[in-house]
Protein backbone atom coordinates (compact mmCIF):
# COMPACT_ATOMS: atom_id res chain seq x y z
CA UNK A 1 0.00 -0.01 -0.01
CA UNK A 2 2.69 2.52 1.05
CA UNK A 3 6.36 2.30 0.24
CA UNK A 4 9.01 4.81 1.33
CA UNK A 5 12.39 4.36 -0.32
CA UNK A 6 15.70 6.03 0.45
CA UNK A 7 13.93 9.12 1.80
CA UNK A 8 16.16 12.09 2.81
CA UNK A 9 14.71 15.29 4.28
CA UNK A 10 16.50 18.44 5.29
CA UNK A 11 15.43 21.54 7.27
CA UNK A 12 17.73 24.08 5.65
CA UNK A 13 21.10 22.32 5.82
CA UNK A 14 20.19 20.13 8.74
CA UNK A 15 19.85 16.55 7.62
CA UNK A 16 16.75 15.23 9.43
CA UNK A 17 15.71 11.98 7.69
CA UNK A 18 18.52 9.75 6.40
CA UNK A 19 17.87 7.04 3.75
CA UNK A 20 14.57 5.96 5.37
CA UNK A 21 13.01 2.78 3.96
CA UNK A 22 9.55 1.75 5.29
CA UNK A 23 6.53 -0.12 3.96
CA UNK A 24 2.95 -0.53 5.05
CA UNK A 25 1.26 -3.57 3.52
CA UNK A 26 -2.43 -3.53 2.67
CA UNK A 27 -4.62 -4.27 5.64
CA UNK A 28 -1.87 -4.12 8.18
CA UNK A 29 -1.04 -1.87 11.13
CA UNK A 30 2.54 -0.67 11.31
CA UNK A 31 4.00 1.23 14.23
CA UNK A 32 6.85 3.66 14.18
CA UNK A 33 8.69 3.94 17.51
CA UNK A 34 11.61 6.03 18.84
CA UNK A 35 12.51 8.69 21.35
CA UNK A 36 11.41 12.27 20.97
CA UNK A 37 13.23 14.33 18.34
CA UNK A 38 14.41 11.41 16.12
CA UNK A 39 12.30 12.37 13.06
CA UNK A 40 9.06 10.42 13.43
CA UNK A 41 6.68 13.38 12.94
CA UNK A 42 8.91 14.68 10.11
CA UNK A 43 8.46 11.40 8.34
CA UNK A 44 4.68 11.42 8.66
CA UNK A 45 4.51 15.06 7.48
CA UNK A 46 6.66 14.11 4.45
CA UNK A 47 4.35 11.19 3.65
CA UNK A 48 1.45 13.65 3.73
CA UNK A 49 3.23 16.17 1.47
CA UNK A 50 3.62 18.89 4.16
CA UNK A 51 7.36 18.57 3.81
CA UNK A 52 9.17 17.91 0.52
CA UNK A 53 12.03 15.32 0.53
CA UNK A 54 15.34 16.24 -1.11
CA UNK A 55 15.91 12.64 -2.22
CA UNK A 56 13.96 9.38 -2.23
CA UNK A 57 10.51 8.27 -3.28
CA UNK A 58 7.06 7.82 -1.69
CA UNK A 59 4.83 5.33 -3.47
CA UNK A 60 1.13 4.81 -2.65
CA UNK A 61 -0.92 2.06 -4.27
CA UNK A 62 1.75 1.72 -6.93
CA UNK A 63 1.87 5.42 -7.77
CA UNK A 64 4.81 7.77 -6.93
CA UNK A 65 3.28 10.71 -5.06
CA UNK A 66 6.32 12.95 -4.35
CA UNK A 67 4.95 15.77 -6.55
CA UNK A 68 1.40 15.59 -5.20
CA UNK A 69 -0.02 18.17 -2.80
CA UNK A 70 -1.53 17.23 0.60
CA UNK A 71 -5.07 17.52 -0.72
CA UNK A 72 -4.30 15.36 -3.69
CA UNK A 73 -2.83 12.72 -1.40
CA UNK A 74 -6.03 12.90 0.74
CA UNK A 75 -8.17 12.35 -2.37
CA UNK A 76 -6.01 9.33 -3.26
CA UNK A 77 -7.02 7.84 0.08
CA UNK A 78 -4.51 8.82 2.76
CA UNK A 79 -6.11 10.12 5.97
CA UNK A 80 -4.06 11.97 8.62
CA UNK A 81 -4.54 12.69 12.28
CA UNK A 82 -1.78 14.99 13.41
CA UNK A 83 -0.20 15.22 16.78
CA UNK A 84 -2.41 17.45 18.90
CA UNK A 85 -5.59 16.35 17.01
CA UNK A 86 -6.32 19.83 15.52
CA UNK A 87 -10.14 19.50 15.69
CA UNK A 88 -11.92 22.86 15.23
CA UNK A 89 -13.04 23.92 18.74
CA UNK A 90 -15.72 26.42 17.52
CA UNK A 91 -17.54 23.85 15.30
CA UNK A 92 -19.90 21.18 16.64
CA UNK A 93 -18.85 17.50 16.72
CA UNK A 94 -21.16 16.85 13.71
CA UNK A 95 -19.64 19.83 11.74
CA UNK A 96 -16.10 18.56 12.50
CA UNK A 97 -17.11 15.06 11.25
CA UNK A 98 -18.62 16.46 8.08
CA UNK A 99 -15.42 18.35 7.33
CA UNK A 100 -13.88 14.96 6.78
CA UNK A 101 -15.89 14.61 3.60
CA UNK A 102 -13.68 17.24 2.07
CA UNK A 103 -11.01 14.66 1.60
CA UNK A 104 -13.31 12.96 -0.85
CA UNK A 105 -13.94 16.16 -2.74
CA UNK A 106 -17.61 16.43 -1.71
CA UNK A 107 -18.88 19.84 -2.59
CA UNK A 108 -22.17 19.61 -0.66
CA UNK A 109 -21.63 18.47 2.92
CA UNK A 110 -24.36 20.34 4.74
CA UNK A 111 -27.03 17.65 4.37
CA UNK A 112 -24.81 14.61 4.61
CA UNK A 113 -25.36 12.20 7.44
CA UNK A 114 -22.73 10.42 9.60
CA UNK A 115 -22.47 6.73 8.67
CA UNK A 116 -23.44 4.26 11.43
CA UNK A 117 -19.97 2.53 11.45
CA UNK A 118 -18.43 5.75 12.84
CA UNK A 119 -20.70 5.41 16.01
CA UNK A 120 -19.98 1.75 16.19
CA UNK A 121 -16.31 2.57 16.50
CA UNK A 122 -16.78 5.66 18.66
CA UNK A 123 -20.18 5.42 20.39
CA UNK A 124 -19.46 8.43 22.65
CA UNK A 125 -19.64 10.74 19.69
CA UNK A 126 -23.30 9.97 18.87
CA UNK A 127 -24.62 11.69 22.01
CA UNK A 128 -22.28 14.68 21.51
CA UNK A 129 -23.12 15.72 17.91
CA UNK A 130 -24.39 19.11 18.93
CA UNK A 131 -21.55 19.92 21.35
CA UNK A 132 -18.68 22.20 20.41
CA UNK A 133 -15.47 20.37 19.64
CA UNK A 134 -13.59 22.54 22.13
CA UNK A 135 -15.88 21.36 25.01
CA UNK A 136 -14.81 17.69 24.60
CA UNK A 137 -12.16 16.06 26.78
CA UNK A 138 -8.75 15.20 25.25
CA UNK A 139 -9.70 11.58 24.78
CA UNK A 140 -13.02 12.54 23.12
CA UNK A 141 -11.30 15.01 20.83
CA UNK A 142 -8.91 12.24 19.73
CA UNK A 143 -11.76 9.95 18.89
CA UNK A 144 -13.41 12.82 16.98
CA UNK A 145 -10.20 13.47 15.04
CA UNK A 146 -9.84 9.74 14.03
CA UNK A 147 -13.50 9.58 13.17
CA UNK A 148 -13.17 12.77 11.03
CA UNK A 149 -10.33 11.18 9.12
CA UNK A 150 -12.42 8.04 8.51
CA UNK A 151 -15.17 10.13 7.03
CA UNK A 152 -12.90 10.57 4.03
CA UNK A 153 -12.94 6.76 3.47
CA UNK A 154 -9.10 6.49 3.40
CA UNK A 155 -7.17 3.44 2.28
CA UNK A 156 -4.30 4.37 4.62
CA UNK A 157 -4.74 6.03 7.99
CA UNK A 158 -1.81 7.92 9.40
CA UNK A 159 -1.85 8.72 13.13
CA UNK A 160 0.78 10.74 15.07
CA UNK A 161 0.76 9.69 18.76
CA UNK A 162 -2.97 9.12 19.13
CA UNK A 163 -2.70 8.29 22.87
CA UNK A 164 -0.58 11.30 23.98
CA UNK A 165 -2.03 12.94 27.03
CA UNK A 166 -5.03 10.61 27.24
CA UNK A 167 -6.31 8.66 30.26
CA UNK A 168 -5.64 4.89 30.22
CA UNK A 169 -9.29 3.82 29.88
CA UNK A 170 -9.69 5.91 26.72
CA UNK A 171 -6.39 4.58 25.32
CA UNK A 172 -7.85 1.12 25.48
CA UNK A 173 -11.04 2.31 23.59
CA UNK A 174 -8.88 3.93 20.90
CA UNK A 175 -6.68 0.79 20.62
CA UNK A 176 -9.78 -1.42 20.16
CA UNK A 177 -11.28 0.99 17.63
CA UNK A 178 -8.15 1.11 15.43
CA UNK A 179 -7.71 -2.66 15.52
CA UNK A 180 -11.41 -2.89 14.67
CA UNK A 181 -10.91 -0.56 11.70
CA UNK A 182 -8.09 -2.73 10.30
CA UNK A 183 -9.99 -5.99 10.91
CA UNK A 184 -13.36 -4.86 9.49
CA UNK A 185 -12.36 -2.52 6.55
CA UNK A 186 -8.93 -3.62 5.51
CA UNK A 187 -7.61 -0.09 5.94
CA UNK A 188 -3.90 0.03 6.41
CA UNK A 189 -2.63 1.98 9.47
CA UNK A 190 0.73 3.76 10.09
CA UNK A 191 1.07 5.29 13.50
CA UNK A 192 3.61 6.81 15.79
CA UNK A 193 3.16 5.54 19.27
CA UNK A 194 5.07 5.28 22.64
CA UNK A 195 2.43 3.33 24.67
CA UNK A 196 3.80 -0.24 24.76
CA UNK A 197 0.43 -2.00 24.94
CA UNK A 198 -0.72 -0.06 21.83
CA UNK A 199 2.57 -0.76 20.00
CA UNK A 200 1.98 -4.51 20.50
CA UNK A 201 -1.39 -4.21 18.69
CA UNK A 202 0.44 -3.54 15.40
CA UNK A 203 1.60 -6.22 12.99
CA UNK A 204 5.00 -4.69 12.50
CA UNK A 205 7.22 -1.99 13.89
CA UNK A 206 10.04 0.25 12.69
CA UNK A 207 12.41 1.93 15.21
CA UNK A 208 13.99 5.29 14.47
CA UNK A 209 17.14 6.90 15.85
CA UNK A 210 18.89 10.03 14.57
CA UNK A 211 16.68 10.27 11.48
CA UNK A 212 17.13 6.69 10.32
CA UNK A 213 15.51 3.27 10.68
CA UNK A 214 17.68 1.21 12.91
CA UNK A 215 15.49 -1.80 13.71
CA UNK A 216 12.30 -3.41 12.38
CA UNK A 217 10.30 -6.60 12.75
CA UNK A 218 7.15 -8.29 13.80
CA UNK A 219 5.76 -6.77 16.99
CA UNK A 220 5.10 -10.24 18.49
CA UNK A 221 8.83 -10.62 18.53
CA UNK A 222 9.59 -7.21 20.00
CA UNK A 223 12.52 -7.69 22.27
CA UNK A 224 13.12 -6.20 25.71
CA UNK A 225 16.27 -4.52 24.31
CA UNK A 226 14.32 -2.70 21.59
CA UNK A 227 11.69 -1.64 24.13
CA UNK A 228 14.27 -0.17 26.41
CA UNK A 229 16.20 1.60 23.67
CA UNK A 230 13.23 3.08 21.76
CA UNK A 231 10.17 3.37 23.94
CA UNK A 232 9.57 5.70 26.86
CA UNK A 233 8.32 3.10 29.35
C-alpha cells in the first residue's frame, strides 16, 4: 500500500531523515517507535506532502506521489490525524465530522449524514453531535479526530501519537477502535506511538534513531532490548 524508499529530508542544511525505507502492507497496522526528536513526525509530514524530501521516493498504491499536494494525497485515500488532534473547537462535533468529507472532494456536505459505522467505532460521539469540539475532553477530541479522518474513506490512516495525554481507559478504547478498523475494513494504518500496549497491537514495527530506521520486525517478537532503547516506558 505505502512504500517509502531512500527518503532524505532536510530543514535548511540540517539533515533530518537519512535514507529511510519503510513499507505498510495492505490491511496491516505498522507502528513507528523512537524517542522524541528522532524524526518520526517529520516522516509522517513528508508522507502527507507537508514537507518535501530532497531525495527518495514515496509510493502509494503503486503510484509515486512525491509531486502531489496534501489535498491530492487525501483524495487518493491517505487520511491523517496529526499530533495534537487539530479539531476545530468552535464547530460542533457533527460539523467537525462532516469536514472529513472534504477529503473525498464532496462539494455539498451540509445535508450529509454520519455513517453508522463511525458510531460503532466511537459510540461516545453519537450523544455529542451538537456539542462544540472545544468542549470535549482530550480523549473525546482524539476519537473525533480519528472519526473525522475516517469520514474521508481512506485506504491508509496515518496517526501521530494518538494516545498522547489521554487517560488509560480511553487509550484502550482507541486501541480497540483502530484494531477494529483494520480488521473490518482492510484499511492500512501507520502510527507513531510510545504506549507499549498499543505498539503491540500492530503487525510490524520500525524503530527510528537520529533520523534513520535502525530496527524493524514483527511486533510479536519485539525484544526487551528494543523496548528499552526506543520506547519511553
